[in-house]
Amino acid sequence: MIGKILVGLVLAGLVYLWWRRRAASASAMRVPEARTLLGVGEGASEDDIRAAHRRLIAKVHPDAGGSAGLATRVNAARDALIAELKRKPRLP
């Protein structure tokens, strides 16, 4: 009886860990892919990234006839690029 409970708990834990890893990798986007999606170069500032995001999301947003999946990717691209800018040290 106790063995079955332990096996169940271990399996539930493994499923949970698999689900968390899958969810984290789906939301993360690589920076080169994000640059290509938004159409910005390497030296783009935060304002350039936000402007490109605004321009693209107006076309692909579900309320404008686009798809929710693509809008989510565009938002993830913006988040990835802005996070990269904040990680880089700023030169005076």
C-alpha atoms as a PDB file:
ATOM      1  CA  MET A   1       0.000   0.000   0.000  1.00  0.00           C
ATOM      2  CA  ILE A   2       2.686   2.480   1.006  1.00  0.00           C
ATOM      3  CA  GLY A   3       4.774   1.399  -2.011  1.00  0.00           C
ATOM      4  CA  LYS A   4       1.924   2.284  -4.384  1.00  0.00           C
ATOM      5  CA  ILE A   5       1.529   5.703  -2.775  1.00  0.00           C
ATOM      6  CA  LEU A   6       5.253   6.401  -3.076  1.00  0.00           C
ATOM      7  CA  VAL A   7       5.294   5.322  -6.720  1.00  0.00           C
ATOM      8  CA  GLY A   8       2.312   7.591  -7.394  1.00  0.00           C
ATOM      9  CA  LEU A   9       4.017  10.541  -5.723  1.00  0.00           C
ATOM     10  CA  VAL A  10       7.239   9.984  -7.649  1.00  0.00           C
ATOM     11  CA  LEU A  11       5.348   9.774 -10.940  1.00  0.00           C
ATOM     12  CA  ALA A  12       3.374  12.911 -10.124  1.00  0.00           C
ATOM     13  CA  GLY A  13       6.613  14.720  -9.315  1.00  0.00           C
ATOM     14  CA  LEU A  14       8.208  13.635 -12.581  1.00  0.00           C
ATOM     15  CA  VAL A  15       5.181  14.779 -14.576  1.00  0.00           C
ATOM     16  CA  TYR A  16       5.247  18.125 -12.800  1.00  0.00           C
ATOM     17  CA  LEU A  17       8.952  18.620 -13.514  1.00  0.00           C
ATOM     18  CA  TRP A  18       8.448  17.685 -17.161  1.00  0.00           C
ATOM     19  CA  TRP A  19       5.541  20.139 -17.444  1.00  0.00           C
ATOM     20  CA  ARG A  20       7.515  23.002 -15.853  1.00  0.00           C
ATOM     21  CA  ARG A  21      10.519  22.438 -18.116  1.00  0.00           C
ATOM     22  CA  ARG A  22       8.313  22.307 -21.207  1.00  0.00           C
ATOM     23  CA  ALA A  23       6.473  25.501 -20.230  1.00  0.00           C
ATOM     24  CA  ALA A  24       9.737  27.364 -19.556  1.00  0.00           C
ATOM     25  CA  SER A  25      11.312  26.370 -22.869  1.00  0.00           C
ATOM     26  CA  ALA A  26       8.191  27.287 -24.832  1.00  0.00           C
ATOM     27  CA  SER A  27       8.111  30.828 -23.492  1.00  0.00           C
ATOM     28  CA  ALA A  28      11.822  31.519 -23.872  1.00  0.00           C
ATOM     29  CA  MET A  29      13.029  32.894 -27.167  1.00  0.00           C
ATOM     30  CA  ARG A  30      16.566  33.171 -28.435  1.00  0.00           C
ATOM     31  CA  VAL A  31      17.825  36.673 -29.146  1.00  0.00           C
ATOM     32  CA  PRO A  32      18.751  36.138 -32.846  1.00  0.00           C
ATOM     33  CA  GLU A  33      15.291  34.730 -33.524  1.00  0.00           C
ATOM     34  CA  ALA A  34      13.735  37.676 -31.681  1.00  0.00           C
ATOM     35  CA  ARG A  35      15.760  40.182 -33.722  1.00  0.00           C
ATOM     36  CA  THR A  36      14.633  38.538 -36.959  1.00  0.00           C
ATOM     37  CA  LEU A  37      10.992  38.432 -35.896  1.00  0.00           C
ATOM     38  CA  LEU A  38      10.887  42.104 -34.894  1.00  0.00           C
ATOM     39  CA  GLY A  39      13.188  43.211 -37.690  1.00  0.00           C
ATOM     40  CA  VAL A  40      15.668  45.134 -35.548  1.00  0.00           C
ATOM     41  CA  GLY A  41      19.446  45.146 -35.735  1.00  0.00           C
ATOM     42  CA  GLU A  42      22.034  44.390 -33.093  1.00  0.00           C
ATOM     43  CA  GLY A  43      22.476  47.998 -32.047  1.00  0.00           C
ATOM     44  CA  ALA A  44      18.768  48.662 -31.559  1.00  0.00           C
ATOM     45  CA  SER A  45      17.829  50.731 -28.532  1.00  0.00           C
ATOM     46  CA  GLU A  46      14.932  50.030 -26.207  1.00  0.00           C
ATOM     47  CA  ASP A  47      12.852  52.652 -28.011  1.00  0.00           C
ATOM     48  CA  ASP A  48      13.578  51.005 -31.388  1.00  0.00           C
ATOM     49  CA  ILE A  49      12.538  47.619 -30.014  1.00  0.00           C
ATOM     50  CA  ARG A  50       9.328  49.018 -28.544  1.00  0.00           C
ATOM     51  CA  ALA A  51       8.474  50.816 -31.797  1.00  0.00           C
ATOM     52  CA  ALA A  52       9.061  47.670 -33.870  1.00  0.00           C
ATOM     53  CA  HIS A  53       6.941  45.683 -31.414  1.00  0.00           C
ATOM     54  CA  ARG A  54       4.121  48.224 -31.565  1.00  0.00           C
ATOM     55  CA  ARG A  55       4.191  48.235 -35.366  1.00  0.00           C
ATOM     56  CA  LEU A  56       4.159  44.436 -35.653  1.00  0.00           C
ATOM     57  CA  ILE A  57       1.635  43.726 -32.902  1.00  0.00           C
ATOM     58  CA  ALA A  58      -0.840  46.068 -34.595  1.00  0.00           C
ATOM     59  CA  LYS A  59      -0.788  43.692 -37.583  1.00  0.00           C
ATOM     60  CA  VAL A  60      -0.786  40.317 -35.824  1.00  0.00           C
ATOM     61  CA  HIS A  61      -2.976  40.951 -32.757  1.00  0.00           C
ATOM     62  CA  PRO A  62      -6.050  38.680 -32.584  1.00  0.00           C
ATOM     63  CA  ASP A  63      -8.361  41.724 -32.373  1.00  0.00           C
ATOM     64  CA  ALA A  64      -6.910  42.916 -35.688  1.00  0.00           C
ATOM     65  CA  GLY A  65      -7.518  39.560 -37.384  1.00  0.00           C
ATOM     66  CA  GLY A  66      -4.161  37.951 -36.555  1.00  0.00           C
ATOM     67  CA  SER A  67      -3.391  34.840 -34.569  1.00  0.00           C
ATOM     68  CA  ALA A  68      -2.948  34.609 -30.825  1.00  0.00           C
ATOM     69  CA  GLY A  69       0.088  32.343 -31.225  1.00  0.00           C
ATOM     70  CA  LEU A  70       1.971  34.840 -33.369  1.00  0.00           C
ATOM     71  CA  ALA A  71       1.068  37.703 -31.039  1.00  0.00           C
ATOM     72  CA  THR A  72       2.473  35.682 -28.145  1.00  0.00           C
ATOM     73  CA  ARG A  73       5.727  35.103 -30.082  1.00  0.00           C
ATOM     74  CA  VAL A  74       5.998  38.829 -30.855  1.00  0.00           C
ATOM     75  CA  ASN A  75       5.565  39.665 -27.164  1.00  0.00           C
ATOM     76  CA  ALA A  76       8.153  37.039 -26.201  1.00  0.00           C
ATOM     77  CA  ALA A  77      10.571  38.516 -28.755  1.00  0.00           C
ATOM     78  CA  ARG A  78      10.176  41.988 -27.255  1.00  0.00           C
ATOM     79  CA  ASP A  79      10.682  40.629 -23.749  1.00  0.00           C
ATOM     80  CA  ALA A  80      13.810  38.705 -24.783  1.00  0.00           C
ATOM     81  CA  LEU A  81      15.417  41.720 -26.462  1.00  0.00           C
ATOM     82  CA  ILE A  82      14.652  44.124 -23.642  1.00  0.00           C
ATOM     83  CA  ALA A  83      15.953  41.604 -21.090  1.00  0.00           C
ATOM     84  CA  GLU A  84      19.154  41.313 -23.132  1.00  0.00           C
ATOM     85  CA  LEU A  85      19.565  45.109 -23.133  1.00  0.00           C
ATOM     86  CA  LYS A  86      19.173  45.234 -19.361  1.00  0.00           C
ATOM     87  CA  ARG A  87      21.808  42.487 -18.899  1.00  0.00           C
ATOM     88  CA  LYS A  88      24.415  44.303 -20.985  1.00  0.00           C
ATOM     89  CA  PRO A  89      26.590  46.849 -19.197  1.00  0.00           C
ATOM     90  CA  ARG A  90      26.009  50.401 -20.384  1.00  0.00           C
ATOM     91  CA  LEU A  91      28.947  52.341 -21.714  1.00  0.00           C
ATOM     92  CA  PRO A  92      29.285  55.988 -20.673  1.00  0.00           C
END
